[in-house]
Structures are given as structure tokens and as C-alpha cells.
Amino acid sequence: MDPIEKLADIYGTAGYEIFEGDRSVSQTAHALQTAMIAEEAGAGAPMVTAALLHDIGRIINPKDRKITDSGGDAKHEVVAQKFLEPWFGPDVTMPIYWHVAAKRYLMATDPAYQKKVSDGSHRSLKGQGGVFSAAEADAFLAQPFAKEGVDLRRWDDLAKRPDAETPDFGHFAPQLRASLTK
């Protein structure tokens, strides 16, 4: 199966689950909102693709919900990175990998950000390692694609509106196709 068709199928079926306590949108709606925000920000195809696919690890891992609901960390960013690597390069997979650490970074470095984060993100922060120390924040930002991970995190946090109107998954197919490496 074509990778774009496979991804569309995942988001068109399993992606419609709603979870994480305070989230009032499905994983698919959240993905479409995040990609739309990235597109509106003028992001290139790899970052729009990363925005669309950043939480696919939550959808494809059958244990994610149980682990997350119990306060643990299912490492959805790692699951996503490994799942997507056969098709996409690091310009897509690494911002996805870093978007969880980016929350830890922003919580450490941006007091205004701390006030904007949802209750669910605050709850999951502990399981994800908590707020970075100053040294951890500096080390994080020095990593390749970490800044892109921070951009993705900010878009991610804005993309939880139940009333948002978005394009459908097919709208993003050209960005997905342009980002394929294999």
C-alpha cells in the first residue's frame, strides 16, 4: 500500500478516538488542526507533514491509552519516529521525536507557556521526565531539529479546539508526498 494511503487509512479509522481526559477533539481533528496551523505559519512541506503526523504514535500503539491514563509515558514520539522512518527523513521524524522534550524545554524557559498548557499536558509532563533544568534545556536546544520540535510543540498546543474547521487529510497529501524520501 502507498504510504500516503496507509496514513490516510490510519487517521480515517483509528484516529477518531478521543482520549486524554481534557481533550475534546479526536486524534485526527488534532492532527488536521496542527497541520493547518503549521501551513498558515508558512512552514514547508516537512514541517507540515511533521505537524500532521506528530501524534501517530498514540494512534498505532494499542498500549498508549492505558499507559497514558495511568500517568506513565508510552513514548509516543519514539513510536511515531520509528514507524515513519521508512518513508520520511529526519526533517519530518526528528521534530516529531523532539516535540515532547520541547514541552519540557518550554516549561523551563517560558513562564507564559506554563500558563497556556492544558491540564492533560501538565499531567503527562511528570511521566515524561518533568521540567528541564537549565543545563538540560541548553543541551536540548543544541540538538539537530530541536528548534523545529519547539515550533511543532507550540502548534500542537494550539490545536485542541472542538470548533475548528480544517481541511481534510487529502488536502495535506501534496506536502506528505513532497516529504517522502523512499
Protein backbone atom coordinates (compact mmCIF):
# COMPACT_ATOMS: atom_id res chain seq x y z
CA MET A 1 0.00 0.00 0.00
CA ASP A 2 1.16 3.52 -0.79
CA PRO A 3 2.41 5.22 2.42
CA ILE A 4 0.10 8.21 1.98
CA GLU A 5 -2.89 5.88 1.58
CA LYS A 6 -1.80 3.90 4.64
CA LEU A 7 -1.52 7.08 6.74
CA ALA A 8 -4.89 8.34 5.46
CA ASP A 9 -6.43 4.99 6.44
CA ILE A 10 -4.98 5.20 9.97
CA TYR A 11 -6.29 8.71 10.50
CA GLY A 12 -9.60 7.85 8.81
CA THR A 13 -10.28 4.97 11.19
CA ALA A 14 -8.36 4.65 14.49
CA GLY A 15 -7.58 8.37 14.60
CA TYR A 16 -11.12 9.26 15.54
CA GLU A 17 -10.68 8.12 19.15
CA ILE A 18 -10.85 10.86 21.77
CA PHE A 19 -8.76 10.46 24.89
CA GLU A 20 -6.51 12.26 27.38
CA GLY A 21 -9.15 13.44 29.81
CA ASP A 22 -9.42 17.11 28.91
CA ARG A 23 -9.00 16.79 25.15
CA SER A 24 -12.27 17.40 23.38
CA VAL A 25 -11.11 16.56 19.86
CA SER A 26 -10.14 13.31 18.20
CA GLN A 27 -6.56 12.50 17.29
CA THR A 28 -7.49 13.09 13.64
CA ALA A 29 -9.04 16.50 14.32
CA HIS A 30 -5.99 17.42 16.43
CA ALA A 31 -3.63 16.33 13.64
CA LEU A 32 -5.53 18.30 11.00
CA GLN A 33 -5.60 21.40 13.21
CA THR A 34 -1.87 21.15 13.91
CA ALA A 35 -1.05 20.78 10.21
CA MET A 36 -3.34 23.68 9.31
CA ILE A 37 -1.64 25.91 11.88
CA ALA A 38 1.78 24.91 10.52
CA GLU A 39 0.63 25.62 6.98
CA GLU A 40 -0.80 29.01 8.00
CA ALA A 41 2.54 29.81 9.68
CA GLY A 42 4.25 29.29 6.31
CA ALA A 43 6.00 26.06 7.25
CA GLY A 44 7.48 23.96 4.45
CA ALA A 45 6.26 20.51 3.47
CA PRO A 46 8.42 18.58 6.01
CA MET A 47 7.12 20.61 8.96
CA VAL A 48 3.51 20.48 7.79
CA THR A 49 3.98 16.72 7.48
CA ALA A 50 5.52 16.53 10.96
CA ALA A 51 2.63 18.57 12.33
CA LEU A 52 0.08 16.25 10.73
CA LEU A 53 1.77 13.06 11.92
CA HIS A 54 3.26 14.10 15.27
CA ASP A 55 0.92 12.02 17.44
CA ILE A 56 0.58 8.95 15.21
CA GLY A 57 2.43 7.01 17.92
CA ARG A 58 -0.64 7.46 20.14
CA ILE A 59 -2.90 6.01 17.47
CA ILE A 60 -0.87 2.98 16.41
CA ASN A 61 0.29 1.83 19.86
CA PRO A 62 -2.53 -0.22 21.43
CA LYS A 63 -0.97 0.24 24.89
CA ASP A 64 -0.71 4.05 24.69
CA ARG A 65 -4.05 4.91 26.23
CA LYS A 66 -3.67 2.58 29.22
CA ILE A 67 -0.12 3.79 29.93
CA THR A 68 -1.03 7.46 29.49
CA ASP A 69 -4.22 7.23 31.54
CA SER A 70 -2.23 5.70 34.40
CA GLY A 71 0.25 8.60 34.42
CA GLY A 72 3.01 6.83 32.53
CA ASP A 73 4.77 7.72 29.33
CA ALA A 74 4.13 5.50 26.31
CA LYS A 75 6.88 7.35 24.38
CA HIS A 76 4.51 8.16 21.53
CA GLU A 77 7.17 10.36 19.95
CA VAL A 78 9.58 7.40 19.70
CA VAL A 79 6.85 5.08 18.39
CA ALA A 80 5.99 7.69 15.75
CA GLN A 81 9.59 8.28 14.73
CA LYS A 82 10.30 4.59 14.25
CA PHE A 83 7.04 4.00 12.38
CA LEU A 84 7.64 6.90 9.98
CA GLU A 85 11.38 6.45 9.31
CA PRO A 86 10.89 4.02 6.40
CA TRP A 87 9.15 6.80 4.47
CA PHE A 88 10.37 10.14 5.82
CA GLY A 89 13.72 11.69 6.62
CA PRO A 90 14.89 13.46 9.77
CA ASP A 91 13.36 16.77 8.68
CA VAL A 92 10.00 15.11 9.43
CA THR A 93 10.83 12.49 12.06
CA MET A 94 13.14 14.50 14.32
CA PRO A 95 10.75 17.40 15.06
CA ILE A 96 8.22 14.69 15.94
CA TYR A 97 10.79 12.98 18.17
CA TRP A 98 11.60 16.27 19.92
CA HIS A 99 8.08 17.64 20.40
CA VAL A 100 7.69 16.04 23.84
CA ALA A 101 11.08 17.25 25.04
CA ALA A 102 10.12 20.66 23.65
CA LYS A 103 7.28 20.83 26.18
CA ARG A 104 9.79 20.17 28.95
CA TYR A 105 12.03 22.88 27.46
CA LEU A 106 9.25 25.45 27.15
CA MET A 107 8.05 24.76 30.69
CA ALA A 108 11.59 25.54 31.88
CA THR A 109 12.20 28.62 29.77
CA ASP A 110 8.89 30.36 29.07
CA PRO A 111 6.76 31.37 32.09
CA ALA A 112 3.89 32.43 29.80
CA TYR A 113 3.88 28.97 28.21
CA GLN A 114 3.36 27.32 31.60
CA LYS A 115 0.02 29.12 31.94
CA LYS A 116 -1.21 28.08 28.49
CA VAL A 117 -0.60 24.34 28.72
CA SER A 118 -3.67 22.12 29.07
CA ASP A 119 -4.36 20.09 32.21
CA GLY A 120 -3.62 16.91 30.25
CA SER A 121 -0.21 18.22 29.22
CA HIS A 122 0.56 19.17 32.81
CA ARG A 123 -0.40 15.65 33.95
CA SER A 124 1.70 13.94 31.28
CA LEU A 125 4.71 16.16 31.99
CA LYS A 126 5.63 14.22 35.13
CA GLY A 127 5.68 10.88 33.29
CA GLN A 128 7.73 12.46 30.51
CA GLY A 129 10.51 13.50 32.88
CA GLY A 130 9.29 16.82 34.26
CA VAL A 131 10.57 20.31 33.58
CA PHE A 132 14.12 20.56 32.24
CA SER A 133 16.87 22.02 34.39
CA ALA A 134 18.75 24.96 32.86
CA ALA A 135 21.55 22.63 31.72
CA GLU A 136 19.06 20.15 30.21
CA ALA A 137 17.30 22.99 28.38
CA ASP A 138 20.58 24.21 26.89
CA ALA A 139 21.59 20.68 25.88
CA PHE A 140 18.18 20.09 24.29
CA LEU A 141 18.25 23.23 22.18
CA ALA A 142 21.70 22.27 20.83
CA GLN A 143 20.28 19.10 19.23
CA PRO A 144 19.59 19.00 15.48
CA PHE A 145 15.90 19.74 14.77
CA ALA A 146 15.20 20.76 18.39
CA LYS A 147 14.10 24.25 17.34
CA GLU A 148 11.70 22.67 14.85
CA GLY A 149 10.46 20.47 17.70
CA VAL A 150 9.71 23.64 19.69
CA ASP A 151 7.75 25.09 16.75
CA LEU A 152 5.83 21.84 16.45
CA ARG A 153 5.09 21.86 20.20
CA ARG A 154 3.65 25.37 20.03
CA TRP A 155 1.39 24.40 17.10
CA ASP A 156 0.43 21.21 18.95
CA ASP A 157 -0.74 23.20 21.96
CA LEU A 158 -2.92 25.45 19.80
CA ALA A 159 -4.62 22.54 18.04
CA LYS A 160 -7.19 21.34 20.54
CA ARG A 161 -10.26 23.35 19.55
CA PRO A 162 -13.50 21.39 19.13
CA ASP A 163 -14.95 24.14 16.92
CA ALA A 164 -12.03 24.44 14.48
CA GLU A 165 -12.74 23.98 10.80
CA THR A 166 -9.92 22.25 8.95
CA PRO A 167 -9.19 20.87 5.53
CA ASP A 168 -9.45 17.09 5.22
CA PHE A 169 -6.48 14.71 5.25
CA GLY A 170 -6.28 14.74 1.45
CA HIS A 171 -5.53 18.46 1.48
CA PHE A 172 -2.14 17.65 3.01
CA ALA A 173 -1.30 14.81 0.58
CA PRO A 174 0.94 17.06 -1.58
CA GLN A 175 3.04 18.02 1.48
CA LEU A 176 3.21 14.39 2.57
CA ARG A 177 4.23 13.26 -0.90
CA ALA A 178 6.84 16.04 -1.20
CA SER A 179 8.33 14.91 2.13
CA LEU A 180 8.69 11.22 1.23
CA THR A 181 12.27 10.04 0.99
CA LYS A 182 11.57 6.49 -0.19
